[in-house]
PDB file of all heavy atoms in Angstrom:
ATOM      1  N   ASP A   1     -16.242  22.544  16.625  1.00  0.00           N
ATOM      2  CA  ASP A   1     -15.944  21.648  15.506  1.00  0.00           C
ATOM      3  C   ASP A   1     -17.149  20.765  15.211  1.00  0.00           C
ATOM      4  O   ASP A   1     -17.557  19.938  16.041  1.00  0.00           O
ATOM      5  CB  ASP A   1     -14.746  20.771  15.836  1.00  0.00           C
ATOM      6  CG  ASP A   1     -14.243  19.945  14.674  1.00  0.00           C
ATOM      7  OD1 ASP A   1     -15.004  19.800  13.687  1.00  0.00           O
ATOM      8  OD2 ASP A   1     -13.091  19.463  14.718  1.00  0.00           O
ATOM      9  N   TYR A   2     -17.766  20.962  14.047  1.00  0.00           N
ATOM     10  CA  TYR A   2     -18.988  20.211  13.713  1.00  0.00           C
ATOM     11  C   TYR A   2     -18.738  18.719  13.673  1.00  0.00           C
ATOM     12  O   TYR A   2     -19.648  17.908  13.900  1.00  0.00           O
ATOM     13  CB  TYR A   2     -19.589  20.711  12.403  1.00  0.00           C
ATOM     14  CG  TYR A   2     -18.933  20.242  11.152  1.00  0.00           C
ATOM     15  CD1 TYR A   2     -19.213  19.006  10.586  1.00  0.00           C
ATOM     16  CD2 TYR A   2     -18.004  21.035  10.473  1.00  0.00           C
ATOM     17  CE1 TYR A   2     -18.588  18.588   9.424  1.00  0.00           C
ATOM     18  CE2 TYR A   2     -17.393  20.652   9.295  1.00  0.00           C
ATOM     19  CZ  TYR A   2     -17.701  19.384   8.800  1.00  0.00           C
ATOM     20  OH  TYR A   2     -17.100  18.989   7.639  1.00  0.00           O
ATOM     21  N   ARG A   3     -17.514  18.340  13.384  1.00  0.00           N
ATOM     22  CA  ARG A   3     -17.214  16.881  13.329  1.00  0.00           C
ATOM     23  C   ARG A   3     -17.339  16.243  14.701  1.00  0.00           C
ATOM     24  O   ARG A   3     -17.731  15.055  14.810  1.00  0.00           O
ATOM     25  CB  ARG A   3     -15.797  16.681  12.776  1.00  0.00           C
ATOM     26  CG  ARG A   3     -15.660  17.008  11.300  1.00  0.00           C
ATOM     27  CD  ARG A   3     -14.222  16.952  10.814  1.00  0.00           C
ATOM     28  NE  ARG A   3     -13.480  18.107  11.287  1.00  0.00           N
ATOM     29  CZ  ARG A   3     -13.282  19.212  10.590  1.00  0.00           C
ATOM     30  NH1 ARG A   3     -13.766  19.288   9.371  1.00  0.00           N
ATOM     31  NH2 ARG A   3     -12.579  20.214  11.102  1.00  0.00           N
ATOM     32  N   GLU A   4     -17.018  16.986  15.750  1.00  0.00           N
ATOM     33  CA  GLU A   4     -17.185  16.471  17.107  1.00  0.00           C
ATOM     34  C   GLU A   4     -18.677  16.261  17.413  1.00  0.00           C
ATOM     35  O   GLU A   4     -19.048  15.280  18.071  1.00  0.00           O
ATOM     36  CB  GLU A   4     -16.545  17.410  18.110  1.00  0.00           C
ATOM     37  CG  GLU A   4     -15.028  17.466  18.079  1.00  0.00           C
ATOM     38  CD  GLU A   4     -14.435  18.380  19.101  1.00  0.00           C
ATOM     39  OE1 GLU A   4     -15.189  19.013  19.877  1.00  0.00           O
ATOM     40  OE2 GLU A   4     -13.185  18.461  19.177  1.00  0.00           O
ATOM     41  N   LEU A   5     -19.522  17.179  16.966  1.00  0.00           N
ATOM     42  CA  LEU A   5     -20.957  17.044  17.161  1.00  0.00           C
ATOM     43  C   LEU A   5     -21.458  15.849  16.436  1.00  0.00           C
ATOM     44  O   LEU A   5     -22.276  15.031  16.977  1.00  0.00           O
ATOM     45  CB  LEU A   5     -21.702  18.290  16.742  1.00  0.00           C
ATOM     46  CG  LEU A   5     -23.193  18.349  16.971  1.00  0.00           C
ATOM     47  CD1 LEU A   5     -23.659  19.796  17.244  1.00  0.00           C
ATOM     48  CD2 LEU A   5     -23.976  17.796  15.768  1.00  0.00           C
ATOM     49  N   LEU A   6     -21.036  15.625  15.197  1.00  0.00           N
ATOM     50  CA  LEU A   6     -21.520  14.505  14.395  1.00  0.00           C
ATOM     51  C   LEU A   6     -21.049  13.172  14.965  1.00  0.00           C
ATOM     52  O   LEU A   6     -21.692  12.122  14.747  1.00  0.00           O
ATOM     53  CB  LEU A   6     -21.039  14.648  12.922  1.00  0.00           C
ATOM     54  CG  LEU A   6     -21.622  15.852  12.175  1.00  0.00           C
ATOM     55  CD1 LEU A   6     -21.078  15.871  10.764  1.00  0.00           C
ATOM     56  CD2 LEU A   6     -23.139  15.857  12.182  1.00  0.00           C
ATOM     57  N   ALA A   7     -19.947  13.187  15.692  1.00  0.00           N
ATOM     58  CA  ALA A   7     -19.405  11.950  16.287  1.00  0.00           C
ATOM     59  C   ALA A   7     -20.149  11.614  17.590  1.00  0.00           C
ATOM     60  O   ALA A   7     -19.948  10.513  18.141  1.00  0.00           O
ATOM     61  CB  ALA A   7     -17.922  12.102  16.572  1.00  0.00           C
ATOM     62  N   ASN A   8     -20.990  12.490  18.061  1.00  0.00           N
ATOM     63  CA  ASN A   8     -21.756  12.254  19.296  1.00  0.00           C
ATOM     64  C   ASN A   8     -22.872  11.273  19.010  1.00  0.00           C
ATOM     65  O   ASN A   8     -23.830  11.598  18.261  1.00  0.00           O
ATOM     66  CB  ASN A   8     -22.327  13.611  19.799  1.00  0.00           C
ATOM     67  CG  ASN A   8     -23.050  13.448  21.132  1.00  0.00           C
ATOM     68  OD1 ASN A   8     -23.400  12.381  21.556  1.00  0.00           O
ATOM     69  ND2 ASN A   8     -23.286  14.589  21.757  1.00  0.00           N
ATOM     70  N   PRO A   9     -22.834  10.088  19.580  1.00  0.00           N
ATOM     71  CA  PRO A   9     -23.879   9.069  19.302  1.00  0.00           C
ATOM     72  C   PRO A   9     -25.235   9.422  19.800  1.00  0.00           C
ATOM     73  O   PRO A   9     -26.236   8.862  19.336  1.00  0.00           O
ATOM     74  CB  PRO A   9     -23.309   7.822  19.998  1.00  0.00           C
ATOM     75  CG  PRO A   9     -22.447   8.335  21.066  1.00  0.00           C
ATOM     76  CD  PRO A   9     -21.808   9.576  20.538  1.00  0.00           C
ATOM     77  N   GLU A  10     -25.322  10.377  20.756  1.00  0.00           N
ATOM     78  CA  GLU A  10     -26.598  10.792  21.272  1.00  0.00           C
ATOM     79  C   GLU A  10     -27.402  11.583  20.264  1.00  0.00           C
ATOM     80  O   GLU A  10     -28.642  11.565  20.269  1.00  0.00           O
ATOM     81  CB  GLU A  10     -26.416  11.609  22.568  1.00  0.00           C
ATOM     82  CG  GLU A  10     -27.707  11.888  23.305  1.00  0.00           C
ATOM     83  CD  GLU A  10     -27.497  12.660  24.574  1.00  0.00           C
ATOM     84  OE1 GLU A  10     -26.405  13.219  24.777  1.00  0.00           O
ATOM     85  OE2 GLU A  10     -28.432  12.700  25.382  1.00  0.00           O
ATOM     86  N   VAL A  11     -26.738  12.301  19.370  1.00  0.00           N
ATOM     87  CA  VAL A  11     -27.399  13.188  18.410  1.00  0.00           C
ATOM     88  C   VAL A  11     -28.040  12.338  17.314  1.00  0.00           C
ATOM     89  O   VAL A  11     -27.371  11.564  16.637  1.00  0.00           O
ATOM     90  CB  VAL A  11     -26.380  14.189  17.790  1.00  0.00           C
ATOM     91  CG1 VAL A  11     -27.082  14.964  16.673  1.00  0.00           C
ATOM     92  CG2 VAL A  11     -25.828  15.114  18.843  1.00  0.00           C
ATOM     93  N   GLU A  12     -29.341  12.515  17.114  1.00  0.00           N
ATOM     94  CA  GLU A  12     -30.087  11.796  16.090  1.00  0.00           C
ATOM     95  C   GLU A  12     -30.406  12.678  14.897  1.00  0.00           C
ATOM     96  O   GLU A  12     -30.488  12.226  13.770  1.00  0.00           O
ATOM     97  CB  GLU A  12     -31.417  11.276  16.649  1.00  0.00           C
ATOM     98  CG  GLU A  12     -31.280  10.354  17.858  1.00  0.00           C
ATOM     99  CD  GLU A  12     -32.626  10.070  18.481  1.00  0.00           C
ATOM    100  OE1 GLU A  12     -33.082  10.902  19.270  1.00  0.00           O
ATOM    101  OE2 GLU A  12     -33.196   9.004  18.171  1.00  0.00           O
ATOM    102  N   VAL A  13     -30.608  13.979  15.165  1.00  0.00           N
ATOM    103  CA  VAL A  13     -31.070  14.917  14.156  1.00  0.00           C
ATOM    104  C   VAL A  13     -30.134  16.113  14.186  1.00  0.00           C
ATOM    105  O   VAL A  13     -29.846  16.647  15.236  1.00  0.00           O
ATOM    106  CB  VAL A  13     -32.512  15.391  14.402  1.00  0.00           C
ATOM    107  CG1 VAL A  13     -33.006  16.260  13.237  1.00  0.00           C
ATOM    108  CG2 VAL A  13     -33.425  14.181  14.607  1.00  0.00           C
ATOM    109  N   VAL A  14     -29.728  16.588  12.986  1.00  0.00           N
ATOM    110  CA  VAL A  14     -28.853  17.744  12.877  1.00  0.00           C
ATOM    111  C   VAL A  14     -29.570  18.879  12.142  1.00  0.00           C
ATOM    112  O   VAL A  14     -30.162  18.624  11.057  1.00  0.00           O
ATOM    113  CB  VAL A  14     -27.549  17.406  12.162  1.00  0.00           C
ATOM    114  CG1 VAL A  14     -26.760  18.678  11.841  1.00  0.00           C
ATOM    115  CG2 VAL A  14     -26.707  16.476  13.033  1.00  0.00           C
ATOM    116  N   HIS A  15     -29.531  20.086  12.649  1.00  0.00           N
ATOM    117  CA  HIS A  15     -30.013  21.264  11.986  1.00  0.00           C
ATOM    118  C   HIS A  15     -28.807  22.109  11.538  1.00  0.00           C
ATOM    119  O   HIS A  15     -28.001  22.525  12.354  1.00  0.00           O
ATOM    120  CB  HIS A  15     -30.935  22.114  12.878  1.00  0.00           C
ATOM    121  CG  HIS A  15     -32.287  21.540  13.066  1.00  0.00           C
ATOM    122  ND1 HIS A  15     -33.400  22.318  13.273  1.00  0.00           N
ATOM    123  CD2 HIS A  15     -32.713  20.252  13.102  1.00  0.00           C
ATOM    124  CE1 HIS A  15     -34.463  21.538  13.385  1.00  0.00           C
ATOM    125  NE2 HIS A  15     -34.088  20.284  13.331  1.00  0.00           N
ATOM    126  N   VAL A  16     -28.670  22.272  10.213  1.00  0.00           N
ATOM    127  CA  VAL A  16     -27.553  23.000   9.649  1.00  0.00           C
ATOM    128  C   VAL A  16     -27.941  24.470   9.461  1.00  0.00           C
ATOM    129  O   VAL A  16     -28.762  24.780   8.595  1.00  0.00           O
ATOM    130  CB  VAL A  16     -27.089  22.370   8.320  1.00  0.00           C
ATOM    131  CG1 VAL A  16     -25.903  23.141   7.738  1.00  0.00           C
ATOM    132  CG2 VAL A  16     -26.723  20.893   8.535  1.00  0.00           C
ATOM    133  N   CYS A  17     -27.386  25.347  10.266  1.00  0.00           N
ATOM    134  CA  CYS A  17     -27.745  26.765  10.267  1.00  0.00           C
ATOM    135  C   CYS A  17     -26.510  27.633  10.023  1.00  0.00           C
ATOM    136  O   CYS A  17     -26.293  28.636  10.669  1.00  0.00           O
ATOM    137  CB  CYS A  17     -28.381  27.160  11.584  1.00  0.00           C
ATOM    138  SG  CYS A  17     -29.771  26.117  12.094  1.00  0.00           S
ATOM    139  N   THR A  18     -25.719  27.246   9.051  1.00  0.00           N
ATOM    140  CA  THR A  18     -24.441  27.878   8.754  1.00  0.00           C
ATOM    141  C   THR A  18     -24.557  28.663   7.436  1.00  0.00           C
ATOM    142  O   THR A  18     -25.541  28.549   6.708  1.00  0.00           O
ATOM    143  CB  THR A  18     -23.348  26.825   8.620  1.00  0.00           C
ATOM    144  OG1 THR A  18     -23.689  25.926   7.564  1.00  0.00           O
ATOM    145  CG2 THR A  18     -23.161  26.042   9.928  1.00  0.00           C
ATOM    146  N   PRO A  19     -23.535  29.440   7.068  1.00  0.00           N
ATOM    147  CA  PRO A  19     -23.496  30.121   5.769  1.00  0.00           C
ATOM    148  C   PRO A  19     -23.683  29.140   4.609  1.00  0.00           C
ATOM    149  O   PRO A  19     -23.335  27.957   4.699  1.00  0.00           O
ATOM    150  CB  PRO A  19     -22.140  30.823   5.745  1.00  0.00           C
ATOM    151  CG  PRO A  19     -21.842  31.053   7.156  1.00  0.00           C
ATOM    152  CD  PRO A  19     -22.374  29.897   7.901  1.00  0.00           C
ATOM    153  N   ASN A  20     -24.240  29.630   3.522  1.00  0.00           N
ATOM    154  CA  ASN A  20     -24.646  28.784   2.410  1.00  0.00           C
ATOM    155  C   ASN A  20     -23.575  27.864   1.865  1.00  0.00           C
ATOM    156  O   ASN A  20     -23.832  26.698   1.529  1.00  0.00           O
ATOM    157  CB  ASN A  20     -25.165  29.661   1.244  1.00  0.00           C
ATOM    158  CG  ASN A  20     -26.391  30.482   1.642  1.00  0.00           C
ATOM    159  OD1 ASN A  20     -27.079  30.149   2.580  1.00  0.00           O
ATOM    160  ND2 ASN A  20     -26.589  31.577   0.912  1.00  0.00           N
ATOM    161  N   VAL A  21     -22.338  28.343   1.731  1.00  0.00           N
ATOM    162  CA  VAL A  21     -21.275  27.562   1.094  1.00  0.00           C
ATOM    163  C   VAL A  21     -20.859  26.368   1.899  1.00  0.00           C
ATOM    164  O   VAL A  21     -20.230  25.440   1.364  1.00  0.00           O
ATOM    165  CB  VAL A  21     -20.074  28.431   0.732  1.00  0.00           C
ATOM    166  CG1 VAL A  21     -20.405  29.521  -0.255  1.00  0.00           C
ATOM    167  CG2 VAL A  21     -19.454  29.029   2.006  1.00  0.00           C
ATOM    168  N   SER A  22     -21.242  26.306   3.175  1.00  0.00           N
ATOM    169  CA  SER A  22     -20.882  25.172   4.017  1.00  0.00           C
ATOM    170  C   SER A  22     -22.002  24.152   4.126  1.00  0.00           C
ATOM    171  O   SER A  22     -21.811  23.089   4.748  1.00  0.00           O
ATOM    172  CB  SER A  22     -20.443  25.621   5.411  1.00  0.00           C
ATOM    173  OG  SER A  22     -21.511  26.278   6.056  1.00  0.00           O
ATOM    174  N   HIS A  23     -23.167  24.428   3.573  1.00  0.00           N
ATOM    175  CA  HIS A  23     -24.306  23.512   3.695  1.00  0.00           C
ATOM    176  C   HIS A  23     -23.988  22.105   3.189  1.00  0.00           C
ATOM    177  O   HIS A  23     -24.295  21.109   3.861  1.00  0.00           O
ATOM    178  CB  HIS A  23     -25.520  24.062   2.905  1.00  0.00           C
ATOM    179  CG  HIS A  23     -26.179  25.216   3.578  1.00  0.00           C
ATOM    180  ND1 HIS A  23     -27.317  25.826   3.052  1.00  0.00           N
ATOM    181  CD2 HIS A  23     -25.900  25.894   4.723  1.00  0.00           C
ATOM    182  CE1 HIS A  23     -27.712  26.795   3.850  1.00  0.00           C
ATOM    183  NE2 HIS A  23     -26.830  26.880   4.848  1.00  0.00           N
ATOM    184  N   SER A  24     -23.368  22.037   2.029  1.00  0.00           N
ATOM    185  CA  SER A  24     -23.119  20.739   1.397  1.00  0.00           C
ATOM    186  C   SER A  24     -22.152  19.910   2.222  1.00  0.00           C
ATOM    187  O   SER A  24     -22.450  18.737   2.546  1.00  0.00           O
ATOM    188  CB  SER A  24     -22.556  20.944  -0.011  1.00  0.00           C
ATOM    189  OG  SER A  24     -22.270  19.707  -0.616  1.00  0.00           O
ATOM    190  N   GLU A  25     -21.015  20.470   2.586  1.00  0.00           N
ATOM    191  CA  GLU A  25     -19.989  19.727   3.319  1.00  0.00           C
ATOM    192  C   GLU A  25     -20.584  19.147   4.634  1.00  0.00           C
ATOM    193  O   GLU A  25     -20.406  17.973   4.966  1.00  0.00           O
ATOM    194  CB  GLU A  25     -18.810  20.651   3.635  1.00  0.00           C
ATOM    195  CG  GLU A  25     -17.760  19.992   4.530  1.00  0.00           C
ATOM    196  CD  GLU A  25     -16.653  20.993   4.884  1.00  0.00           C
ATOM    197  OE1 GLU A  25     -16.447  21.944   4.151  1.00  0.00           O
ATOM    198  OE2 GLU A  25     -16.041  20.798   5.956  1.00  0.00           O
ATOM    199  N   ILE A  26     -21.273  19.991   5.382  1.00  0.00           N
ATOM    200  CA  ILE A  26     -21.782  19.562   6.715  1.00  0.00           C
ATOM    201  C   ILE A  26     -22.939  18.585   6.545  1.00  0.00           C
ATOM    202  O   ILE A  26     -22.988  17.561   7.254  1.00  0.00           O
ATOM    203  CB  ILE A  26     -22.228  20.796   7.513  1.00  0.00           C
ATOM    204  CG1 ILE A  26     -21.023  21.714   7.813  1.00  0.00           C
ATOM    205  CG2 ILE A  26     -22.914  20.378   8.825  1.00  0.00           C
ATOM    206  CD1 ILE A  26     -21.382  23.013   8.458  1.00  0.00           C
TER     207      ILE A  26
END
C-alpha cells in the first residue's frame, strides 16, 4: 500500500515507478 510508505516519516524522497495512469494520484 503506497499510503503506508508515504506515512513513513523516515522517507524523504519518493520514486514513482508505476504504470502511467497512477502517476498523478501517487
